[in-house]
Amino acid sequence: MKRFLSAAIVGAGLSVFATPTLADDTAHDQCAGAFELCLKECETQNEGDVAGRAACVPSCSGKYAACDAGVAYDKANPWVEEQAKKTKKFLEDLMQDLKKVTPGDIPRDPTKMPTKSI
């Protein structure tokens, strides 16, 4: 009963932090299945050893979190790469535009805007 309660509490906690919008349902189910298998194997290996079984929950939870985070990373990685490309292009375009500015384009009085468009 205690193991079930511990697993339920950890599972509820992990579900709060998991990102189902980013994670693929199939991969998420595989992570959850691996978590359950980890708990069962640990209980079998530590039968009769309460302290040994107590160490299983955080260990298996850590493996589950790593699995789920990996799924989210794989899903988000293309978006992050696309944003990096857009940022790079923006900065390159900005630098090209700044190269076109001549000293005469910059007003001596900082409160006045340049009259010549770039």
N, C-alpha and C. Protein backbone atom coordinates (compact mmCIF):
# COMPACT_ATOMS: atom_id res chain seq x y z
N MET A 1 0.82 -1.19 0.00
CA MET A 1 0.00 0.00 0.00
C MET A 1 0.87 1.26 0.00
N LYS A 2 1.94 1.25 0.81
CA LYS A 2 2.81 2.43 0.87
C LYS A 2 3.50 2.66 -0.47
N ARG A 3 3.94 1.56 -1.12
CA ARG A 3 4.60 1.69 -2.41
C ARG A 3 3.64 2.28 -3.43
N PHE A 4 2.40 1.81 -3.41
CA PHE A 4 1.42 2.32 -4.36
C PHE A 4 1.17 3.80 -4.12
N LEU A 5 1.05 4.18 -2.86
CA LEU A 5 0.82 5.58 -2.52
C LEU A 5 2.00 6.44 -2.94
N SER A 6 3.22 5.97 -2.69
CA SER A 6 4.41 6.71 -3.08
C SER A 6 4.47 6.87 -4.59
N ALA A 7 4.21 5.79 -5.30
CA ALA A 7 4.24 5.83 -6.76
C ALA A 7 3.14 6.76 -7.29
N ALA A 8 1.97 6.75 -6.65
CA ALA A 8 0.88 7.61 -7.08
C ALA A 8 1.23 9.09 -6.87
N ILE A 9 1.84 9.39 -5.72
CA ILE A 9 2.23 10.76 -5.44
C ILE A 9 3.28 11.23 -6.43
N VAL A 10 4.29 10.40 -6.66
CA VAL A 10 5.35 10.75 -7.61
C VAL A 10 4.76 10.89 -9.02
N GLY A 11 3.91 9.97 -9.39
CA GLY A 11 3.29 10.02 -10.72
C GLY A 11 2.46 11.27 -10.90
N ALA A 12 1.73 11.67 -9.85
CA ALA A 12 0.94 12.90 -9.93
C ALA A 12 1.85 14.11 -10.05
N GLY A 13 2.93 14.11 -9.31
CA GLY A 13 3.89 15.21 -9.39
C GLY A 13 4.53 15.31 -10.75
N LEU A 14 4.88 14.17 -11.33
CA LEU A 14 5.50 14.18 -12.65
C LEU A 14 4.53 14.63 -13.72
N SER A 15 3.26 14.29 -13.55
CA SER A 15 2.29 14.69 -14.57
C SER A 15 2.09 16.19 -14.58
N VAL A 16 2.33 16.86 -13.45
CA VAL A 16 2.22 18.31 -13.40
C VAL A 16 3.33 18.95 -14.22
N PHE A 17 4.54 18.38 -14.12
CA PHE A 17 5.70 18.96 -14.80
C PHE A 17 5.86 18.46 -16.24
N ALA A 18 5.22 17.38 -16.60
CA ALA A 18 5.34 16.86 -17.96
C ALA A 18 4.65 17.82 -18.91
N THR A 19 5.10 17.86 -20.15
CA THR A 19 4.52 18.76 -21.14
C THR A 19 3.86 17.95 -22.23
N PRO A 20 2.60 17.58 -22.03
CA PRO A 20 1.93 16.75 -23.03
C PRO A 20 1.77 17.45 -24.37
N THR A 21 1.79 18.78 -24.40
CA THR A 21 1.67 19.46 -25.68
C THR A 21 2.92 19.29 -26.51
N LEU A 22 4.08 19.08 -25.87
CA LEU A 22 5.32 18.90 -26.61
C LEU A 22 5.66 17.42 -26.80
N ALA A 23 5.30 16.61 -25.83
CA ALA A 23 5.70 15.21 -25.87
C ALA A 23 4.73 14.39 -26.70
N ASP A 24 5.26 13.50 -27.50
CA ASP A 24 4.46 12.58 -28.29
C ASP A 24 3.80 11.58 -27.35
N ASP A 25 2.50 11.31 -27.55
CA ASP A 25 1.77 10.42 -26.64
C ASP A 25 2.38 9.02 -26.59
N THR A 26 2.80 8.51 -27.73
CA THR A 26 3.39 7.17 -27.76
C THR A 26 4.67 7.12 -26.94
N ALA A 27 5.53 8.10 -27.14
CA ALA A 27 6.79 8.15 -26.39
C ALA A 27 6.51 8.36 -24.91
N HIS A 28 5.52 9.18 -24.58
CA HIS A 28 5.15 9.40 -23.19
C HIS A 28 4.68 8.10 -22.55
N ASP A 29 3.89 7.35 -23.28
CA ASP A 29 3.42 6.05 -22.77
C ASP A 29 4.58 5.09 -22.57
N GLN A 30 5.57 5.14 -23.47
CA GLN A 30 6.76 4.29 -23.31
C GLN A 30 7.53 4.68 -22.05
N CYS A 31 7.64 5.97 -21.78
CA CYS A 31 8.32 6.43 -20.57
C CYS A 31 7.57 5.96 -19.33
N ALA A 32 6.25 6.07 -19.37
CA ALA A 32 5.44 5.63 -18.23
C ALA A 32 5.56 4.12 -18.03
N GLY A 33 5.59 3.37 -19.13
CA GLY A 33 5.75 1.92 -19.04
C GLY A 33 7.11 1.54 -18.46
N ALA A 34 8.15 2.26 -18.87
CA ALA A 34 9.48 2.01 -18.33
C ALA A 34 9.53 2.33 -16.84
N PHE A 35 8.81 3.36 -16.42
CA PHE A 35 8.73 3.72 -15.00
C PHE A 35 8.10 2.58 -14.19
N GLU A 36 6.97 2.09 -14.68
CA GLU A 36 6.29 0.99 -13.99
C GLU A 36 7.17 -0.26 -13.93
N LEU A 37 7.84 -0.57 -15.03
CA LEU A 37 8.74 -1.72 -15.07
C LEU A 37 9.89 -1.55 -14.08
N CYS A 38 10.42 -0.35 -14.01
CA CYS A 38 11.51 -0.05 -13.08
C CYS A 38 11.06 -0.31 -11.64
N LEU A 39 9.86 0.17 -11.30
CA LEU A 39 9.34 -0.05 -9.95
C LEU A 39 9.14 -1.53 -9.65
N LYS A 40 8.61 -2.28 -10.61
CA LYS A 40 8.37 -3.71 -10.41
C LYS A 40 9.69 -4.46 -10.24
N GLU A 41 10.68 -4.16 -11.08
CA GLU A 41 11.98 -4.81 -10.98
C GLU A 41 12.64 -4.51 -9.64
N CYS A 42 12.54 -3.27 -9.23
CA CYS A 42 13.15 -2.86 -7.97
C CYS A 42 12.47 -3.56 -6.80
N GLU A 43 11.17 -3.67 -6.85
CA GLU A 43 10.46 -4.34 -5.76
C GLU A 43 10.84 -5.82 -5.73
N THR A 44 11.00 -6.44 -6.88
CA THR A 44 11.40 -7.85 -6.94
C THR A 44 12.81 -8.02 -6.37
N GLN A 45 13.72 -7.14 -6.75
CA GLN A 45 15.11 -7.24 -6.29
C GLN A 45 15.24 -6.94 -4.80
N ASN A 46 14.36 -6.11 -4.26
CA ASN A 46 14.46 -5.69 -2.86
C ASN A 46 13.32 -6.23 -2.02
N GLU A 47 12.85 -7.42 -2.34
CA GLU A 47 11.74 -8.01 -1.60
C GLU A 47 12.14 -8.16 -0.14
N GLY A 48 11.32 -7.60 0.72
CA GLY A 48 11.59 -7.68 2.16
C GLY A 48 12.52 -6.59 2.66
N ASP A 49 13.10 -5.81 1.80
CA ASP A 49 14.01 -4.74 2.19
C ASP A 49 13.31 -3.39 1.96
N VAL A 50 12.74 -2.85 3.04
CA VAL A 50 11.96 -1.62 2.93
C VAL A 50 12.84 -0.45 2.48
N ALA A 51 14.04 -0.34 3.02
CA ALA A 51 14.94 0.75 2.65
C ALA A 51 15.34 0.66 1.17
N GLY A 52 15.59 -0.56 0.71
CA GLY A 52 15.95 -0.75 -0.69
C GLY A 52 14.82 -0.35 -1.62
N ARG A 53 13.59 -0.71 -1.24
CA ARG A 53 12.44 -0.34 -2.06
C ARG A 53 12.18 1.16 -2.01
N ALA A 54 12.46 1.79 -0.87
CA ALA A 54 12.26 3.23 -0.74
C ALA A 54 13.17 4.00 -1.70
N ALA A 55 14.33 3.45 -1.95
CA ALA A 55 15.26 4.11 -2.88
C ALA A 55 14.82 3.96 -4.33
N CYS A 56 13.93 3.02 -4.60
CA CYS A 56 13.47 2.78 -5.96
C CYS A 56 12.66 3.94 -6.53
N VAL A 57 11.79 4.51 -5.72
CA VAL A 57 10.88 5.53 -6.23
C VAL A 57 11.65 6.73 -6.78
N PRO A 58 12.59 7.32 -6.02
CA PRO A 58 13.31 8.45 -6.62
C PRO A 58 14.17 8.05 -7.81
N SER A 59 14.75 6.86 -7.76
CA SER A 59 15.58 6.41 -8.87
C SER A 59 14.75 6.24 -10.14
N CYS A 60 13.65 5.55 -10.02
CA CYS A 60 12.78 5.33 -11.18
C CYS A 60 12.14 6.63 -11.64
N SER A 61 11.82 7.51 -10.70
CA SER A 61 11.23 8.80 -11.06
C SER A 61 12.22 9.64 -11.85
N GLY A 62 13.47 9.59 -11.44
CA GLY A 62 14.50 10.33 -12.17
C GLY A 62 14.66 9.82 -13.60
N LYS A 63 14.62 8.51 -13.75
CA LYS A 63 14.71 7.92 -15.09
C LYS A 63 13.51 8.33 -15.94
N TYR A 64 12.33 8.35 -15.31
CA TYR A 64 11.12 8.74 -16.03
C TYR A 64 11.21 10.21 -16.47
N ALA A 65 11.64 11.07 -15.55
CA ALA A 65 11.76 12.49 -15.88
C ALA A 65 12.76 12.71 -17.02
N ALA A 66 13.87 12.00 -16.98
CA ALA A 66 14.87 12.12 -18.05
C ALA A 66 14.29 11.66 -19.38
N CYS A 67 13.55 10.58 -19.36
CA CYS A 67 12.92 10.05 -20.58
C CYS A 67 11.93 11.07 -21.14
N ASP A 68 11.07 11.59 -20.28
CA ASP A 68 10.04 12.52 -20.73
C ASP A 68 10.66 13.83 -21.20
N ALA A 69 11.70 14.29 -20.53
CA ALA A 69 12.39 15.51 -20.95
C ALA A 69 13.05 15.31 -22.31
N GLY A 70 13.60 14.12 -22.53
CA GLY A 70 14.21 13.81 -23.82
C GLY A 70 13.20 13.85 -24.94
N VAL A 71 12.01 13.35 -24.68
CA VAL A 71 10.93 13.37 -25.67
C VAL A 71 10.56 14.82 -25.98
N ALA A 72 10.41 15.63 -24.94
CA ALA A 72 10.06 17.04 -25.14
C ALA A 72 11.16 17.77 -25.91
N TYR A 73 12.41 17.48 -25.59
CA TYR A 73 13.54 18.12 -26.29
C TYR A 73 13.52 17.75 -27.77
N ASP A 74 13.34 16.47 -28.05
CA ASP A 74 13.31 16.03 -29.46
C ASP A 74 12.19 16.72 -30.23
N LYS A 75 11.08 16.94 -29.56
CA LYS A 75 9.94 17.59 -30.20
C LYS A 75 10.18 19.09 -30.40
N ALA A 76 10.84 19.73 -29.42
CA ALA A 76 11.04 21.18 -29.46
C ALA A 76 12.27 21.58 -30.27
N ASN A 77 13.21 20.69 -30.46
CA ASN A 77 14.48 21.02 -31.11
C ASN A 77 14.33 21.67 -32.48
N PRO A 78 13.48 21.18 -33.37
CA PRO A 78 13.34 21.84 -34.68
C PRO A 78 12.85 23.29 -34.55
N TRP A 79 11.94 23.55 -33.63
CA TRP A 79 11.44 24.91 -33.42
C TRP A 79 12.57 25.81 -32.93
N VAL A 80 13.38 25.33 -31.99
CA VAL A 80 14.49 26.12 -31.45
C VAL A 80 15.49 26.43 -32.57
N GLU A 81 15.80 25.44 -33.39
CA GLU A 81 16.72 25.66 -34.51
C GLU A 81 16.17 26.70 -35.48
N GLU A 82 14.88 26.66 -35.76
CA GLU A 82 14.26 27.63 -36.66
C GLU A 82 14.34 29.04 -36.07
N GLN A 83 14.11 29.17 -34.77
CA GLN A 83 14.20 30.48 -34.12
C GLN A 83 15.63 31.00 -34.16
N ALA A 84 16.60 30.12 -34.00
CA ALA A 84 18.01 30.53 -34.06
C ALA A 84 18.34 31.04 -35.46
N LYS A 85 17.85 30.36 -36.50
CA LYS A 85 18.10 30.82 -37.88
C LYS A 85 17.47 32.18 -38.13
N LYS A 86 16.24 32.38 -37.63
CA LYS A 86 15.57 33.67 -37.81
C LYS A 86 16.32 34.79 -37.09
N THR A 87 16.81 34.50 -35.90
CA THR A 87 17.56 35.49 -35.13
C THR A 87 18.86 35.84 -35.84
N LYS A 88 19.54 34.83 -36.36
CA LYS A 88 20.79 35.07 -37.08
C LYS A 88 20.55 35.94 -38.31
N LYS A 89 19.50 35.64 -39.06
CA LYS A 89 19.18 36.44 -40.25
C LYS A 89 18.84 37.87 -39.85
N PHE A 90 18.08 38.05 -38.78
CA PHE A 90 17.74 39.39 -38.32
C PHE A 90 19.01 40.18 -37.99
N LEU A 91 19.92 39.57 -37.26
CA LEU A 91 21.16 40.26 -36.88
C LEU A 91 22.03 40.56 -38.09
N GLU A 92 22.11 39.63 -39.04
CA GLU A 92 22.88 39.89 -40.27
C GLU A 92 22.29 41.04 -41.06
N ASP A 93 20.96 41.07 -41.19
CA ASP A 93 20.30 42.17 -41.90
C ASP A 93 20.52 43.50 -41.17
N LEU A 94 20.45 43.47 -39.85
CA LEU A 94 20.68 44.68 -39.07
C LEU A 94 22.09 45.21 -39.28
N MET A 95 23.06 44.32 -39.27
CA MET A 95 24.45 44.74 -39.48
C MET A 95 24.63 45.31 -40.89
N GLN A 96 24.00 44.73 -41.89
CA GLN A 96 24.07 45.26 -43.26
C GLN A 96 23.46 46.66 -43.33
N ASP A 97 22.34 46.85 -42.65
CA ASP A 97 21.71 48.17 -42.64
C ASP A 97 22.58 49.19 -41.94
N LEU A 98 23.24 48.79 -40.87
CA LEU A 98 24.11 49.71 -40.13
C LEU A 98 25.34 50.10 -40.96
N LYS A 99 25.79 49.23 -41.83
CA LYS A 99 26.94 49.54 -42.68
C LYS A 99 26.58 50.63 -43.70
N LYS A 100 25.30 50.78 -44.01
CA LYS A 100 24.85 51.78 -44.98
C LYS A 100 24.77 53.18 -44.38
N VAL A 101 24.78 53.28 -43.05
CA VAL A 101 24.66 54.57 -42.38
C VAL A 101 25.99 55.31 -42.47
N THR A 102 25.92 56.59 -42.87
CA THR A 102 27.12 57.43 -42.94
C THR A 102 27.14 58.37 -41.73
N PRO A 103 28.30 58.95 -41.40
CA PRO A 103 28.36 59.88 -40.27
C PRO A 103 27.38 61.04 -40.40
N GLY A 104 27.08 61.45 -41.62
CA GLY A 104 26.13 62.55 -41.82
C GLY A 104 24.70 62.17 -41.45
N ASP A 105 24.41 60.88 -41.40
CA ASP A 105 23.07 60.41 -41.05
C ASP A 105 22.79 60.52 -39.55
N ILE A 106 23.84 60.63 -38.74
CA ILE A 106 23.68 60.65 -37.30
C ILE A 106 23.61 62.10 -36.84
N PRO A 107 22.51 62.52 -36.20
CA PRO A 107 22.38 63.92 -35.78
C PRO A 107 23.31 64.26 -34.62
N ARG A 108 23.79 65.52 -34.60
CA ARG A 108 24.63 65.96 -33.49
C ARG A 108 23.78 66.11 -32.23
N ASP A 109 22.55 66.51 -32.42
CA ASP A 109 21.63 66.65 -31.29
C ASP A 109 20.88 65.32 -31.15
N PRO A 110 21.13 64.56 -30.07
CA PRO A 110 20.52 63.22 -29.94
C PRO A 110 19.01 63.24 -29.86
N THR A 111 18.41 64.41 -29.64
CA THR A 111 16.94 64.45 -29.55
C THR A 111 16.29 64.54 -30.93
N LYS A 112 17.11 64.83 -31.97
CA LYS A 112 16.57 64.94 -33.32
C LYS A 112 16.73 63.62 -34.07
N MET A 113 15.73 63.27 -34.81
CA MET A 113 15.78 62.05 -35.60
C MET A 113 16.41 62.37 -36.95
N PRO A 114 17.07 61.40 -37.58
CA PRO A 114 17.62 61.64 -38.91
C PRO A 114 16.51 61.90 -39.92
N THR A 115 16.76 62.80 -40.84
CA THR A 115 15.76 63.12 -41.87
C THR A 115 15.91 62.21 -43.07
N LYS A 116 17.09 61.63 -43.25
CA LYS A 116 17.35 60.72 -44.36
C LYS A 116 17.00 59.30 -43.94
N SER A 117 16.19 58.63 -44.75
CA SER A 117 15.86 57.25 -44.40
C SER A 117 16.99 56.34 -44.85
N ILE A 118 17.15 55.28 -44.13
CA ILE A 118 18.26 54.33 -44.38
C ILE A 118 17.92 53.42 -45.52
